[in-house]
Amino acid sequence: MAGHYLRQRATSADAAWSAGLFALVLVPTSVLFYRFHLLDLDTLSFSLALAGAFALVGLLTAIVAIAIVWHRGAMGGGRAVAALVVGCLAALPFVGLGALFARYPEGNFAETIGLASGTVSPASAGSSPADGTDVLVGRDFQATATVVYGAVRTAMAASGMEIEDVETSAAPRPAPGDLGVTGTVSAPIPTPRSTVDPMQPVDRFAGLDADEFTVSGTAYMPILALPSDVTIRIVEDGNTTYVDMRSQSRVLERDLGQNRRIVQAFLARLESSMDVLEGVTPEG
């Protein structure tokens, strides 16, 4: 008769705990190894897929374990609930990725409407759709292109972007200083200007009186630091300067909306940079 009251333990709870914990640890470990260049992108993708599979198995097994404990009165209810919590935590990143994939199923770039149409686009022209996912609108400011170019560089630095190249409608003018030559060779070598700090990077375009700039650079995705090629076009037309931008992933076929977020974040920082300049306000 005593054996009738013996309760078995729900061993599936332990299995669910192990699977969920493994997935929870595998995700940040894989990302960390990738950032230290110990894994390539393909291996990282496989590791994340493996973590997703373990998270799903752990979550389902935890639900089964809870059902066994509830209906049979088996031991291990605490471990089953803990496994369910761990499984949910491990599955959260993949739920987020799934939501992003549903919203951005294809594409690896984003651009403002001005670059898409090949013309300057005032911020007041056109309108975004109701969901705000299709059209990115550039910015326009009541300032010269030179002033906006300086703000663009500030915003790029604040966004962690690297400037690769700058093209302009005017040639950079010589900087002031004692530019001389060394030696008596047929091809004189310019000596450094005394007004230039050799330890600081020199922006040849700072203060240049031009009405158009095209800045090329590299932006990086958060967490994985995957690169995107960015192009920022600055065009002065009358008393207004227009800014448009394009960002395209260098290695991803689907960016899950990351390039769109890069453009939006940069434009927001650009507006902040322009707001600190006295008398410079965005139109529209």
Protein backbone atom coordinates (compact mmCIF):
# COMPACT_ATOMS: atom_id res chain seq x y z
CA MET A 1 0.00 0.00 0.00
CA ALA A 2 2.90 2.37 0.72
CA GLY A 3 4.07 2.15 -2.87
CA HIS A 4 0.81 3.71 -3.97
CA TYR A 5 1.95 7.04 -2.53
CA LEU A 6 5.40 7.11 -4.15
CA ARG A 7 5.81 9.97 -6.60
CA GLN A 8 8.13 9.87 -9.57
CA ARG A 9 10.24 12.81 -10.69
CA ALA A 10 9.58 14.54 -14.02
CA THR A 11 12.98 13.99 -15.62
CA SER A 12 11.93 16.06 -18.63
CA ALA A 13 12.22 19.15 -16.42
CA ASP A 14 15.97 18.58 -16.06
CA ALA A 15 16.33 18.09 -19.81
CA ALA A 16 14.37 21.28 -20.50
CA TRP A 17 16.54 23.21 -18.04
CA SER A 18 19.75 21.97 -19.66
CA ALA A 19 18.58 22.74 -23.20
CA GLY A 20 17.35 26.23 -22.32
CA LEU A 21 20.48 27.09 -20.35
CA PHE A 22 22.72 25.87 -23.18
CA ALA A 23 20.87 28.08 -25.67
CA LEU A 24 20.99 31.05 -23.30
CA VAL A 25 24.77 30.74 -22.96
CA LEU A 26 25.47 29.88 -26.60
CA VAL A 27 24.03 33.11 -28.05
CA PRO A 28 26.27 35.65 -26.25
CA THR A 29 29.26 33.30 -26.45
CA SER A 30 28.92 33.01 -30.23
CA VAL A 31 28.58 36.77 -30.62
CA LEU A 32 31.61 37.36 -28.40
CA PHE A 33 33.72 34.86 -30.36
CA TYR A 34 32.65 36.53 -33.60
CA ARG A 35 33.60 39.99 -32.34
CA PHE A 36 37.05 38.64 -31.45
CA HIS A 37 37.33 37.18 -34.97
CA LEU A 38 37.35 33.60 -33.69
CA LEU A 39 34.28 32.73 -35.79
CA ASP A 40 33.37 33.70 -39.33
CA LEU A 41 29.89 34.81 -40.34
CA ASP A 42 28.81 31.37 -41.59
CA THR A 43 29.88 29.69 -38.35
CA LEU A 44 28.13 32.39 -36.35
CA SER A 45 24.92 31.79 -38.31
CA PHE A 46 25.15 28.06 -37.62
CA SER A 47 25.77 28.67 -33.91
CA LEU A 48 22.78 30.98 -33.63
CA ALA A 49 20.58 28.51 -35.51
CA LEU A 50 21.73 25.78 -33.12
CA ALA A 51 20.93 28.01 -30.15
CA GLY A 52 17.49 28.69 -31.57
CA ALA A 53 16.82 24.97 -31.95
CA PHE A 54 17.89 24.27 -28.37
CA ALA A 55 15.79 27.17 -27.10
CA LEU A 56 12.72 25.79 -28.87
CA VAL A 57 13.34 22.25 -27.62
CA GLY A 58 13.89 23.51 -24.08
CA LEU A 59 10.74 25.60 -24.15
CA LEU A 60 8.54 22.80 -25.46
CA THR A 61 10.06 20.26 -23.08
CA ALA A 62 9.46 22.60 -20.14
CA ILE A 63 5.80 22.88 -21.08
CA VAL A 64 5.55 19.09 -21.24
CA ALA A 65 7.27 18.80 -17.85
CA ILE A 66 4.83 21.25 -16.27
CA ALA A 67 1.92 19.27 -17.71
CA ILE A 68 3.32 16.04 -16.24
CA VAL A 69 3.77 17.64 -12.83
CA TRP A 70 0.26 19.09 -12.94
CA HIS A 71 -1.62 15.98 -14.04
CA ARG A 72 0.44 13.24 -12.38
CA GLY A 73 1.62 15.02 -9.29
CA ALA A 74 5.23 14.23 -10.17
CA MET A 75 8.15 15.90 -8.44
CA GLY A 76 10.21 18.57 -10.18
CA GLY A 77 7.66 21.33 -10.53
CA GLY A 78 10.11 24.02 -9.45
CA ARG A 79 12.71 22.90 -11.95
CA ALA A 80 10.06 22.74 -14.70
CA VAL A 81 8.95 26.32 -14.05
CA ALA A 82 12.58 27.48 -13.93
CA ALA A 83 13.22 25.70 -17.23
CA LEU A 84 10.23 27.48 -18.75
CA VAL A 85 11.61 30.86 -17.66
CA VAL A 86 15.08 30.06 -19.02
CA GLY A 87 13.56 28.81 -22.27
CA CYS A 88 11.57 32.03 -22.68
CA LEU A 89 14.68 34.13 -22.08
CA ALA A 90 16.65 32.08 -24.59
CA ALA A 91 13.88 32.39 -27.17
CA LEU A 92 13.46 36.17 -26.82
CA PRO A 93 16.23 37.14 -29.31
CA PHE A 94 14.78 34.81 -31.92
CA VAL A 95 11.26 36.14 -31.39
CA GLY A 96 12.65 39.62 -32.00
CA LEU A 97 14.44 38.47 -35.14
CA GLY A 98 11.25 36.83 -36.36
CA ALA A 99 9.30 40.04 -35.85
CA LEU A 100 11.92 42.02 -37.76
CA PHE A 101 11.91 39.47 -40.58
CA ALA A 102 8.12 39.70 -40.83
CA ARG A 103 8.36 43.49 -41.11
CA TYR A 104 11.42 43.61 -43.38
CA PRO A 105 11.34 40.33 -45.34
CA GLU A 106 13.82 41.44 -48.01
CA GLY A 107 16.32 44.11 -48.93
CA ASN A 108 19.70 45.10 -47.56
CA PHE A 109 19.69 48.87 -48.01
CA ALA A 110 17.76 52.00 -47.14
CA GLU A 111 17.80 55.46 -48.69
CA THR A 112 15.94 58.71 -48.44
CA ILE A 113 13.51 59.61 -51.18
CA GLY A 114 15.89 62.21 -52.61
CA LEU A 115 18.57 59.65 -53.46
CA ALA A 116 15.96 57.16 -54.64
CA SER A 117 14.58 59.68 -57.15
CA GLY A 118 17.94 61.25 -57.97
CA THR A 119 16.76 64.76 -57.03
CA VAL A 120 16.95 66.92 -53.95
CA SER A 121 14.05 66.26 -51.61
CA PRO A 122 12.79 68.87 -49.19
CA ALA A 123 11.56 67.38 -45.95
CA SER A 124 8.13 68.88 -46.54
CA ALA A 125 7.73 67.23 -49.92
CA GLY A 126 5.70 64.06 -50.03
CA SER A 127 4.58 62.09 -47.01
CA SER A 128 5.35 58.78 -45.42
CA PRO A 129 2.78 55.99 -45.52
CA ALA A 130 0.67 55.23 -42.49
CA ASP A 131 3.00 52.51 -41.24
CA GLY A 132 6.07 54.66 -41.86
CA THR A 133 8.09 51.78 -43.30
CA ASP A 134 8.44 52.59 -47.00
CA VAL A 135 9.61 56.16 -47.37
CA LEU A 136 12.53 57.86 -45.67
CA VAL A 137 12.54 61.63 -46.05
CA GLY A 138 15.77 63.63 -46.06
CA ARG A 139 16.38 66.85 -44.19
CA ASP A 140 16.68 70.46 -45.31
CA PHE A 141 18.14 73.39 -43.40
CA GLN A 142 18.32 77.14 -43.83
CA ALA A 143 22.11 77.12 -43.91
CA THR A 144 24.99 76.88 -46.34
CA ALA A 145 26.29 73.52 -47.50
CA THR A 146 29.57 74.25 -45.70
CA VAL A 147 27.81 74.63 -42.35
CA VAL A 148 25.75 71.49 -42.91
CA TYR A 149 28.87 69.57 -43.96
CA GLY A 150 30.45 70.36 -40.59
CA ALA A 151 27.32 69.16 -38.81
CA VAL A 152 27.32 65.99 -40.92
CA ARG A 153 30.87 65.18 -39.80
CA THR A 154 29.85 65.76 -36.19
CA ALA A 155 26.81 63.51 -36.55
CA MET A 156 28.86 60.80 -38.24
CA ALA A 157 31.40 60.85 -35.41
CA ALA A 158 28.60 60.65 -32.84
CA SER A 159 27.11 57.69 -34.75
CA GLY A 160 30.41 55.81 -34.79
CA MET A 161 30.75 56.07 -38.58
CA GLU A 162 34.07 56.20 -40.38
CA ILE A 163 34.54 58.73 -43.19
CA GLU A 164 36.17 57.13 -46.23
CA ASP A 165 35.99 59.84 -48.90
CA VAL A 166 34.60 63.32 -49.58
CA GLU A 167 33.73 64.73 -52.98
CA THR A 168 32.83 68.36 -53.52
CA SER A 169 31.92 70.78 -56.26
CA ALA A 170 34.94 72.98 -55.48
CA ALA A 171 38.61 72.21 -55.04
CA PRO A 172 39.93 72.60 -51.48
CA ARG A 173 41.79 75.87 -51.05
CA PRO A 174 45.32 75.86 -49.53
CA ALA A 175 45.46 76.14 -45.79
CA PRO A 176 47.28 79.14 -44.30
CA GLY A 177 50.79 78.64 -43.04
CA ASP A 178 54.44 78.56 -44.04
CA LEU A 179 54.30 75.98 -46.81
CA GLY A 180 57.87 75.61 -48.09
CA VAL A 181 59.95 73.01 -49.90
CA THR A 182 62.86 70.90 -48.82
CA GLY A 183 66.08 70.26 -50.66
CA THR A 184 67.03 71.25 -54.18
CA VAL A 185 65.63 68.23 -55.99
CA SER A 186 63.67 68.64 -59.21
CA ALA A 187 60.45 67.57 -57.47
CA PRO A 188 60.26 69.65 -54.26
CA ILE A 189 58.69 67.99 -51.24
CA PRO A 190 56.31 70.27 -49.27
CA THR A 191 57.24 70.79 -45.64
CA PRO A 192 54.56 70.60 -42.91
CA ARG A 193 52.69 73.77 -42.10
CA SER A 194 53.41 75.21 -38.67
CA THR A 195 49.67 75.78 -38.20
CA VAL A 196 48.83 72.10 -38.59
CA ASP A 197 49.07 69.61 -35.75
CA PRO A 198 50.61 66.48 -37.32
CA MET A 199 48.96 64.33 -34.64
CA GLN A 200 45.44 65.41 -35.63
CA PRO A 201 43.58 64.34 -38.79
CA VAL A 202 43.25 67.16 -41.29
CA ASP A 203 39.92 67.88 -42.97
CA ARG A 204 40.80 69.55 -46.26
CA PHE A 205 37.15 70.43 -46.83
CA ALA A 206 36.45 72.23 -43.56
CA GLY A 207 35.35 75.79 -44.30
CA LEU A 208 35.42 75.18 -48.05
CA ASP A 209 32.95 77.38 -49.92
CA ALA A 210 31.13 74.73 -51.96
CA ASP A 211 27.46 74.16 -52.71
CA GLU A 212 27.61 70.36 -52.90
CA PHE A 213 29.32 67.63 -50.87
CA THR A 214 29.14 63.85 -51.15
CA VAL A 215 30.47 62.00 -48.11
CA SER A 216 31.18 58.26 -48.26
CA GLY A 217 31.78 56.23 -45.14
CA THR A 218 31.14 53.07 -43.18
CA ALA A 219 28.55 52.47 -40.48
CA TYR A 220 28.48 49.47 -38.18
CA MET A 221 25.57 47.41 -36.91
CA PRO A 222 25.19 47.26 -33.12
CA ILE A 223 26.31 44.06 -31.35
CA LEU A 224 27.74 42.28 -34.42
CA ALA A 225 29.46 45.36 -35.91
CA LEU A 226 28.61 44.28 -39.46
CA PRO A 227 29.59 47.06 -41.90
CA SER A 228 27.31 49.11 -44.11
CA ASP A 229 28.44 51.49 -46.86
CA VAL A 230 26.87 54.92 -46.39
CA THR A 231 26.62 57.81 -48.82
CA ILE A 232 25.50 61.26 -47.69
CA ARG A 233 24.69 63.92 -50.26
CA ILE A 234 24.61 67.61 -49.30
CA VAL A 235 23.22 70.02 -51.90
CA GLU A 236 22.77 73.76 -51.45
CA ASP A 237 19.96 75.34 -53.47
CA GLY A 238 19.40 79.02 -52.81
CA ASN A 239 19.07 79.60 -49.08
CA THR A 240 18.34 75.95 -48.32
CA THR A 241 20.64 72.94 -48.08
CA TYR A 242 19.24 69.45 -48.60
CA VAL A 243 20.66 66.28 -47.05
CA ASP A 244 19.93 62.78 -48.35
CA MET A 245 21.48 59.47 -47.34
CA ARG A 246 21.85 55.86 -48.43
CA SER A 247 23.06 52.91 -46.35
CA GLN A 248 23.67 49.41 -47.74
CA SER A 249 24.92 46.29 -45.99
CA ARG A 250 28.24 45.03 -47.21
CA VAL A 251 27.82 41.35 -46.28
CA LEU A 252 24.12 40.76 -45.53
CA GLU A 253 21.48 39.90 -48.11
CA ARG A 254 18.71 40.85 -45.65
CA ASP A 255 19.37 43.54 -43.09
CA LEU A 256 16.09 43.21 -41.13
CA GLY A 257 15.66 46.98 -41.27
CA GLN A 258 19.07 47.77 -39.78
CA ASN A 259 20.08 50.18 -42.55
CA ARG A 260 16.81 52.01 -42.13
CA ARG A 261 17.57 52.45 -38.45
CA ILE A 262 21.08 53.67 -39.33
CA VAL A 263 19.63 56.35 -41.60
CA GLN A 264 16.99 57.39 -39.07
CA ALA A 265 19.49 57.60 -36.21
CA PHE A 266 21.94 59.62 -38.29
CA LEU A 267 19.31 62.12 -39.42
CA ALA A 268 18.18 62.57 -35.82
CA ARG A 269 21.77 63.27 -34.74
CA LEU A 270 22.20 65.64 -37.67
CA GLU A 271 19.18 67.65 -36.53
CA SER A 272 20.64 67.79 -33.03
CA SER A 273 23.97 69.00 -34.41
CA MET A 274 22.26 71.69 -36.44
CA ASP A 275 20.10 72.79 -33.51
CA VAL A 276 23.16 73.85 -31.54
CA LEU A 277 24.15 76.27 -34.31
CA GLU A 278 22.61 79.68 -33.73
CA GLY A 279 20.11 80.71 -36.36
CA VAL A 280 20.05 77.30 -38.10
CA THR A 281 16.66 75.60 -38.04
CA PRO A 282 15.20 72.74 -40.09
CA GLU A 283 12.41 73.65 -42.45
CA GLY A 284 8.98 72.01 -42.59
